[in-house]
Structure formats: C-alpha cells, structure tokens
Amino acid sequence: MKPVLGITMGDAAGVGPEVIVKALMDKKIYQQACPIVFGDKKIMQRAVKIIGADLRCRSIKSINEGGTEYGIIDIVDLDNLPEDLPFAKVDGRAGKAAYEYIEKAVDYAMQRKVHAIVTAPLNKEALNLGGVHYPGHTEILGALMGQKDFSMMLTSPKLRVIHVSTHVAINRVPALVKKERISKVIDLAYDALGLMGIKEPRIAVAGLNPHCGEGGLFGTEDQTEIVPAVEQARRKGYNVTGPLPPDSVFHRAANLNEFDIVVVMYHDQGHIPIKVLGFDSGVNVTVGLPCIRTSVDHGTAFPVAGKGIANSKSMTAALELGAQMAKVKFADILNK
C-alpha cells in the first residue's frame, strides 16, 4: 500500500494551486504515493488551465477512492471560494479557506487515512483577516493535533536545520532558549532523521550569541542553557557537538559534511543559510506531530501568481520527502 499524501491548496491568490499542478504532472509522484488535494476544485481547474497541463480535476467523496490514477487530480472539494478570486491580493476569504483545507486534512490524518500532509503556502495577513489568528502552518498543525512538543525543520540538498524557536519577535528569543526546549528539539531531530534513513545522525547545535558568548562577554545563554542540553543528549548516546559559533557551523555542515543537521536557536538563524543554499529545492518539515508534515519552503509569491511561471521544485521535493518519511513512520499500516 502506498502512503496517502493530503496536499492542502494554500492561499488561492498565490502560487499554491499552480505549483501543485506542476508537481502532479510528474508521474513519479503517483508511483511513490497517492496524492489527494484538499482545496477547491474550481480553483484547481483554473490552475490547470493556466499551466496548460494535460490533467483533469475530479471531486471525490471518499479518501479511499483517490490518488491512484496519473492524469487525474483527485480533490476533497470544500467549494469555499469564488472562481474569480483575484490573484496577488491579500484576501480574508482565501485565508479562511486555506485554514479550512488544513483542518480537513488534519481530520483525515488523525484517523490515519492520510499519512502525510503536504502544504502549499499561506499568506499570514490573509489568514488573520479571515479570522484565523496563528503565525503559520507549524502552529496551526500543532494546535489542531493537540501537540506542544513540535518543531520546524528545513531541509535542502546541502543542509538541514531544526528550530528551537520560530515565529516570535527577536527580543523574545533569549527567554525561549532553555535547556528543556533545546533537549526536546535534539530528540526531535534524532527521530526525524531516522525517518529519513539516517540512523546515527551527527547533530550540531548552534550557539545563540556571537562566538557562543565569548566566555560571557556577549551573553551567558550558551553556557547556562545550551551546554547542559548538549551534555544531556550525549548521555543518551547521541552524537552531538556544540554549542558551535553560528558564523561557521553552517559551512561545516553544508560544505565540509561534518554534520547531518544543525539545531538553531531562532527563525532567521536557520532560514537564511537554507535559502541561500537551496531556495528552489528546500522543504519545510514539522516534526513531533502524529503524522508527517512537509511543505514548500517559500511563500505565496504574489508577483508571479496566475502567470503559470512559478517554480514547483520545492513542492515536488516536499511530496517526495513526505512519501519517504510516511513509508517509515507508518510501515506497520502500509505493509499489511
């Protein structure tokens, strides 16, 4: 049995529907998994027309009947948007609808009828205008699935990072860099890399302050919070190194291949190197959930929405990684 990928359509005013269509033009996706879109059939048909794809959209009532036939995009159709929704405009209707796609996919995931959720991008302003007050996908999924211990991981061909904190103001970060949270994120990194086929991962932990605090001259968090978390992980038998200066650790991981993943302390510390090294091929993974969640590592790209030119490499990579991780996590179900 192949894993079922629940693909949420994202903000319909952006490139989400188009990158989904482009990715599903690849027959290899259907060989690896059963892709099913949670979205709006009218909007997906519009995207097919814009791309000029030789694909057909079909509404399905049962999750068990979809995702098996190349050339057909099977859709759990929520029918919650007008066909003429404008492109490239922040619209509360699109934000609310995008949340509803996630909500529906989560319902199926919690029943183990969907094994991985693969998300197209949201627009956070539209989300809030639609009455949904979350900073992003990661927090939405954690809340809907009742999870508190989860984290954002970003992967690219040369580098992987996992975050201690994400969508918070930079002045709140030091208060969130705590031994307990860092220890949990190291655990999540170890488990997630196991699902990717890396059994004994080499984990680096980035420092928070310049030069890891330089003996307390530039801050004390590296010594008081990060060092104890690293020591605790080593006692568990993990191959963990750190804290390491943030200005060199990514070079060591990406270019010298010394580490399989870097634990980072805040949003931009991880996002910047990932996007420099692999903007078009990065994948966002939420780890610590009951199901697999992967996503494109880019936003709604309003400037190119509706033009048929959006790059779908990240969506393809997200679908492939979602299928790979789901096969390991749900091997007991899928191999029956």
Protein backbone atom coordinates (compact mmCIF):
# COMPACT_ATOMS: atom_id res chain seq x y z
CA MET A 1 0.00 0.00 0.00
CA LYS A 2 1.30 3.45 -0.90
CA PRO A 3 1.07 6.33 1.58
CA VAL A 4 -1.70 8.88 1.08
CA LEU A 5 -0.46 12.46 0.75
CA GLY A 6 -3.01 15.11 1.73
CA ILE A 7 -1.98 18.20 -0.24
CA THR A 8 -3.51 21.40 1.15
CA MET A 9 -4.07 24.03 -1.55
CA GLY A 10 -2.83 27.02 0.45
CA ASP A 11 -3.81 30.61 -0.32
CA ALA A 12 -5.65 30.58 -3.65
CA ALA A 13 -4.47 34.09 -4.51
CA GLY A 14 -0.89 32.83 -4.60
CA VAL A 15 1.06 30.17 -6.48
CA GLY A 16 -0.05 27.18 -4.39
CA PRO A 17 -2.54 25.71 -6.90
CA GLU A 18 -0.08 26.20 -9.77
CA VAL A 19 2.88 24.51 -8.08
CA ILE A 20 0.63 21.61 -7.08
CA VAL A 21 -0.50 21.15 -10.69
CA LYS A 22 3.08 21.30 -11.97
CA ALA A 23 4.29 18.81 -9.37
CA LEU A 24 1.47 16.37 -10.18
CA MET A 25 2.46 16.40 -13.84
CA ASP A 26 5.33 14.16 -12.71
CA LYS A 27 4.29 10.50 -12.96
CA LYS A 28 6.89 9.53 -10.34
CA ILE A 29 4.76 11.08 -7.58
CA TYR A 30 1.97 8.60 -8.32
CA GLN A 31 4.46 5.74 -8.28
CA GLN A 32 5.54 6.69 -4.76
CA ALA A 33 2.24 7.73 -3.17
CA CYS A 34 -1.46 8.54 -3.57
CA PRO A 35 -1.71 12.35 -3.80
CA ILE A 36 -5.05 13.94 -2.89
CA VAL A 37 -5.66 17.69 -2.86
CA PHE A 38 -7.68 19.33 -0.10
CA GLY A 39 -8.95 22.50 -1.70
CA ASP A 40 -11.40 23.94 -4.19
CA LYS A 41 -11.99 22.18 -7.49
CA LYS A 42 -12.81 25.42 -9.34
CA ILE A 43 -9.50 26.97 -8.30
CA MET A 44 -7.53 23.86 -9.19
CA GLN A 45 -9.18 23.74 -12.62
CA ARG A 46 -8.20 27.36 -13.12
CA ALA A 47 -4.59 26.46 -12.29
CA VAL A 48 -4.64 23.53 -14.74
CA LYS A 49 -5.81 25.91 -17.47
CA ILE A 50 -3.15 28.50 -16.63
CA ILE A 51 -0.40 25.87 -16.74
CA GLY A 52 -1.82 24.24 -19.88
CA ALA A 53 -1.48 20.85 -18.21
CA ASP A 54 -2.98 17.73 -19.69
CA LEU A 55 -4.63 16.87 -16.39
CA ARG A 56 -8.22 16.56 -15.20
CA CYS A 57 -9.63 17.53 -11.81
CA ARG A 58 -12.09 15.21 -10.06
CA SER A 59 -14.01 15.63 -6.81
CA ILE A 60 -14.01 12.61 -4.53
CA LYS A 61 -16.28 11.83 -1.61
CA SER A 62 -14.15 9.08 -0.07
CA ILE A 63 -10.43 9.34 0.61
CA ASN A 64 -10.09 5.66 -0.28
CA GLU A 65 -11.05 6.20 -3.91
CA GLY A 66 -8.47 8.81 -4.85
CA GLY A 67 -4.87 9.43 -5.76
CA THR A 68 -4.26 6.32 -7.79
CA GLU A 69 -4.61 7.42 -11.42
CA TYR A 70 -1.95 9.57 -13.09
CA GLY A 71 -3.52 12.33 -15.16
CA ILE A 72 -6.32 12.93 -12.66
CA ILE A 73 -6.02 15.32 -9.73
CA ASP A 74 -8.36 13.98 -7.06
CA ILE A 75 -9.74 16.69 -4.79
CA VAL A 76 -11.59 16.78 -1.50
CA ASP A 77 -13.58 19.80 -2.67
CA LEU A 78 -14.57 22.25 0.06
CA ASP A 79 -16.08 24.59 -2.56
CA ASN A 80 -15.42 27.62 -0.38
CA LEU A 81 -14.14 30.25 -2.83
CA PRO A 82 -15.44 32.13 -5.86
CA GLU A 83 -13.99 31.08 -9.21
CA ASP A 84 -12.90 34.65 -9.97
CA LEU A 85 -10.93 35.18 -6.75
CA PRO A 86 -8.28 37.78 -7.69
CA PHE A 87 -4.63 36.79 -7.87
CA ALA A 88 -1.90 38.54 -5.89
CA LYS A 89 -4.20 40.29 -3.41
CA VAL A 90 -4.48 39.74 0.32
CA ASP A 91 -8.00 38.41 0.80
CA GLY A 92 -9.56 37.18 4.03
CA ARG A 93 -11.70 34.72 2.08
CA ALA A 94 -8.59 32.98 0.78
CA GLY A 95 -7.02 32.97 4.25
CA LYS A 96 -10.08 31.41 5.86
CA ALA A 97 -10.39 28.84 3.07
CA ALA A 98 -6.70 27.89 3.39
CA TYR A 99 -7.22 27.18 7.08
CA GLU A 100 -10.25 25.03 6.29
CA TYR A 101 -8.19 22.89 3.89
CA ILE A 102 -5.68 22.24 6.67
CA GLU A 103 -8.42 21.49 9.17
CA LYS A 104 -9.99 18.91 6.84
CA ALA A 105 -6.65 17.25 6.07
CA VAL A 106 -5.88 17.04 9.79
CA ASP A 107 -9.22 15.29 10.39
CA TYR A 108 -8.19 12.54 7.98
CA ALA A 109 -4.61 12.44 9.30
CA MET A 110 -5.81 11.86 12.86
CA GLN A 111 -7.82 8.89 11.54
CA ARG A 112 -4.65 7.62 9.81
CA LYS A 113 -6.38 7.85 6.44
CA VAL A 114 -3.81 10.49 5.40
CA HIS A 115 -0.20 9.60 6.21
CA ALA A 116 1.49 12.87 5.30
CA ILE A 117 0.16 16.41 4.95
CA VAL A 118 1.95 18.41 2.27
CA THR A 119 1.13 22.10 2.40
CA ALA A 120 1.15 24.84 -0.21
CA PRO A 121 1.95 28.32 1.14
CA LEU A 122 -0.27 30.53 3.29
CA ASN A 123 -0.43 34.29 3.45
CA LYS A 124 -0.32 35.18 7.14
CA GLU A 125 -2.07 38.54 6.67
CA ALA A 126 -4.93 36.90 4.75
CA LEU A 127 -5.14 34.20 7.40
CA ASN A 128 -5.66 36.81 10.11
CA LEU A 129 -8.13 38.79 8.00
CA GLY A 130 -10.09 35.56 7.68
CA GLY A 131 -10.36 35.32 11.47
CA VAL A 132 -7.62 32.70 11.95
CA HIS A 133 -5.04 34.07 14.35
CA TYR A 134 -1.98 31.87 14.05
CA PRO A 135 1.51 32.88 12.92
CA GLY A 136 1.82 30.00 10.45
CA HIS A 137 1.35 26.37 9.46
CA THR A 138 3.54 24.94 12.21
CA GLU A 139 1.47 26.47 15.00
CA ILE A 140 -1.86 25.64 13.30
CA LEU A 141 -0.95 21.98 12.94
CA GLY A 142 0.35 21.75 16.49
CA ALA A 143 -2.89 23.22 17.86
CA LEU A 144 -5.21 21.11 15.68
CA MET A 145 -3.36 17.92 16.60
CA GLY A 146 -3.09 18.77 20.27
CA GLN A 147 0.71 18.76 20.27
CA LYS A 148 3.01 21.00 22.33
CA ASP A 149 6.42 19.46 21.63
CA PHE A 150 6.99 20.08 17.93
CA SER A 151 9.49 21.97 15.84
CA MET A 152 10.16 23.31 12.37
CA MET A 153 12.84 21.56 10.32
CA LEU A 154 14.12 22.87 7.00
CA THR A 155 15.90 20.59 4.56
CA SER A 156 17.79 21.22 1.35
CA PRO A 157 20.22 19.14 -0.72
CA LYS A 158 23.19 20.50 1.25
CA LEU A 159 21.86 21.44 4.69
CA ARG A 160 19.23 20.61 7.31
CA VAL A 161 18.28 22.80 10.27
CA ILE A 162 15.76 22.46 13.11
CA HIS A 163 14.50 25.34 15.22
CA VAL A 164 14.30 25.91 18.97
CA SER A 165 12.08 28.98 18.36
CA THR A 166 10.39 30.20 15.19
CA HIS A 167 7.73 32.88 14.69
CA VAL A 168 8.49 35.21 17.59
CA ALA A 169 10.00 38.68 17.87
CA ILE A 170 13.78 38.60 18.11
CA ASN A 171 13.72 40.26 21.53
CA ARG A 172 11.81 37.24 22.90
CA VAL A 173 14.33 34.65 21.69
CA PRO A 174 16.78 34.63 24.66
CA ALA A 175 13.95 33.81 27.06
CA LEU A 176 12.98 30.81 24.89
CA VAL A 177 16.48 29.34 24.68
CA LYS A 178 16.11 26.96 27.60
CA LYS A 179 17.79 23.64 28.36
CA GLU A 180 14.49 21.72 28.34
CA ARG A 181 13.40 23.05 24.95
CA ILE A 182 16.82 22.54 23.36
CA SER A 183 16.93 18.97 24.68
CA LYS A 184 13.50 18.26 23.20
CA VAL A 185 14.49 19.67 19.81
CA ILE A 186 17.61 17.50 19.76
CA ASP A 187 15.35 14.49 20.42
CA LEU A 188 13.02 15.57 17.59
CA ALA A 189 15.98 15.96 15.23
CA TYR A 190 17.26 12.47 16.07
CA ASP A 191 13.84 10.90 15.46
CA ALA A 192 13.11 12.83 12.25
CA LEU A 193 16.44 11.92 10.68
CA GLY A 194 15.71 8.28 11.47
CA LEU A 195 12.58 8.60 9.32
CA MET A 196 14.82 9.95 6.56
CA GLY A 197 17.05 6.89 6.73
CA ILE A 198 19.88 8.39 8.81
CA LYS A 199 20.23 6.03 11.75
CA GLU A 200 23.11 7.60 13.68
CA PRO A 201 22.80 11.32 12.89
CA ARG A 202 25.58 13.77 13.53
CA ILE A 203 23.90 16.71 15.26
CA ALA A 204 25.44 20.16 15.62
CA VAL A 205 23.97 22.76 17.97
CA ALA A 206 24.46 26.42 17.06
CA GLY A 207 25.17 28.99 19.71
CA LEU A 208 22.86 31.91 20.36
CA ASN A 209 25.34 34.73 20.83
CA PRO A 210 28.35 35.84 18.74
CA HIS A 211 31.23 33.43 19.32
CA CYS A 212 28.92 31.46 21.67
CA GLY A 213 29.08 34.30 24.17
CA GLU A 214 32.89 34.57 24.29
CA GLY A 215 33.06 33.39 27.89
CA GLY A 216 30.14 35.56 28.97
CA LEU A 217 31.26 38.79 27.32
CA PHE A 218 28.40 38.64 24.78
CA GLY A 219 25.77 36.76 26.77
CA THR A 220 25.50 33.76 29.07
CA GLU A 221 22.80 31.60 27.45
CA ASP A 222 25.29 29.44 25.55
CA GLN A 223 26.94 28.25 28.78
CA THR A 224 23.93 28.18 31.08
CA GLU A 225 21.31 26.63 28.75
CA ILE A 226 22.85 25.17 25.58
CA VAL A 227 25.85 23.38 27.11
CA PRO A 228 23.71 21.43 29.65
CA ALA A 229 21.30 20.38 26.88
CA VAL A 230 24.17 19.10 24.73
CA GLU A 231 25.65 17.20 27.67
CA GLN A 232 22.27 15.61 28.39
CA ALA A 233 21.94 14.48 24.77
CA ARG A 234 25.40 12.93 24.86
CA ARG A 235 24.42 10.93 27.93
CA LYS A 236 21.59 9.47 25.82
CA GLY A 237 24.19 8.27 23.35
CA TYR A 238 23.60 10.90 20.68
CA ASN A 239 26.44 12.18 18.51
CA VAL A 240 26.02 15.87 19.37
CA THR A 241 28.51 18.74 19.08
CA GLY A 242 28.06 22.24 20.42
CA PRO A 243 27.41 24.94 21.00
CA LEU A 244 29.27 25.98 17.87
CA PRO A 245 29.68 29.56 16.59
CA PRO A 246 26.80 30.36 14.21
CA ASP A 247 29.17 32.06 11.76
CA SER A 248 30.97 28.78 10.99
CA VAL A 249 28.65 25.87 11.82
CA PHE A 250 26.67 26.04 8.55
CA HIS A 251 29.86 25.93 6.48
CA ARG A 252 30.96 22.87 8.42
CA ALA A 253 27.61 21.15 7.87
CA ALA A 254 26.92 22.12 4.24
CA ASN A 255 30.38 22.35 2.70
CA LEU A 256 32.55 20.09 4.86
CA ASN A 257 29.81 17.48 5.52
CA GLU A 258 30.67 17.23 9.22
CA PHE A 259 27.03 17.22 10.42
CA ASP A 260 23.66 15.90 9.25
CA ILE A 261 21.65 18.67 10.90
CA VAL A 262 22.13 21.92 12.81
CA VAL A 263 19.91 22.82 15.78
CA VAL A 264 19.32 26.58 15.50
CA MET A 265 18.05 28.95 18.15
CA TYR A 266 15.74 31.22 16.15
CA HIS A 267 13.94 31.68 12.84
CA ASP A 268 16.42 33.61 10.71
CA GLN A 269 19.45 31.79 12.07
CA GLY A 270 18.19 28.71 10.23
CA HIS A 271 16.20 30.19 7.37
CA ILE A 272 18.93 32.39 5.93
CA PRO A 273 21.53 29.67 5.24
CA ILE A 274 18.88 27.26 3.93
CA LYS A 275 17.51 29.81 1.48
CA VAL A 276 20.95 30.88 0.34
CA LEU A 277 21.93 27.28 -0.38
CA GLY A 278 18.70 25.88 -1.79
CA PHE A 279 15.88 28.39 -2.25
CA ASP A 280 14.08 26.45 -5.00
CA SER A 281 14.53 22.99 -3.51
CA GLY A 282 14.06 23.46 0.22
CA VAL A 283 11.40 21.59 2.20
CA ASN A 284 9.79 22.64 5.47
CA VAL A 285 9.05 19.72 7.83
CA THR A 286 7.07 19.89 11.07
CA VAL A 287 8.46 17.23 13.41
CA GLY A 288 6.79 15.93 16.55
CA LEU A 289 3.29 15.51 15.06
CA PRO A 290 1.23 12.29 14.87
CA CYS A 291 1.60 12.37 11.07
CA ILE A 292 4.25 13.58 8.66
CA ARG A 293 4.01 17.19 7.50
CA THR A 294 6.13 18.64 4.73
CA SER A 295 5.78 21.89 2.83
CA VAL A 296 7.30 24.11 0.22
CA ASP A 297 9.93 26.41 1.66
CA HIS A 298 8.61 29.58 0.03
CA GLY A 299 5.68 31.93 0.34
CA THR A 300 2.67 32.71 -1.82
CA ALA A 301 4.84 34.56 -4.40
CA PHE A 302 2.11 37.05 -5.34
CA PRO A 303 4.22 38.76 -8.05
CA VAL A 304 4.14 35.60 -10.22
CA ALA A 305 0.76 34.18 -9.18
CA GLY A 306 -1.59 33.44 -12.06
CA LYS A 307 1.14 33.60 -14.68
CA GLY A 308 2.00 29.90 -14.86
CA ILE A 309 5.71 30.51 -14.25
CA ALA A 310 6.05 29.56 -10.56
CA ASN A 311 8.85 27.10 -9.81
CA SER A 312 7.49 23.78 -8.49
CA LYS A 313 10.79 22.15 -7.44
CA SER A 314 10.12 22.73 -3.74
CA MET A 315 6.62 21.21 -3.98
CA THR A 316 7.99 18.16 -5.77
CA ALA A 317 10.69 17.77 -3.12
CA ALA A 318 8.06 18.14 -0.36
CA LEU A 319 5.88 15.42 -1.90
CA GLU A 320 8.82 13.04 -2.30
CA LEU A 321 10.09 13.61 1.24
CA GLY A 322 6.58 13.28 2.67
CA ALA A 323 6.17 9.92 0.93
CA GLN A 324 9.60 8.72 2.07
CA MET A 325 9.06 9.63 5.73
CA ALA A 326 5.48 8.29 5.80
CA LYS A 327 6.62 4.91 4.50
CA VAL A 328 8.90 4.56 7.52
CA LYS A 329 6.60 6.07 10.15
CA PHE A 330 3.55 4.06 9.06
CA ALA A 331 5.29 0.89 7.90
CA ASP A 332 3.07 -1.22 10.16
CA ILE A 333 -0.05 0.02 8.35
CA LEU A 334 1.26 0.34 4.81
CA ASN A 335 2.95 -3.08 4.70
CA LYS A 336 -0.16 -5.03 5.65
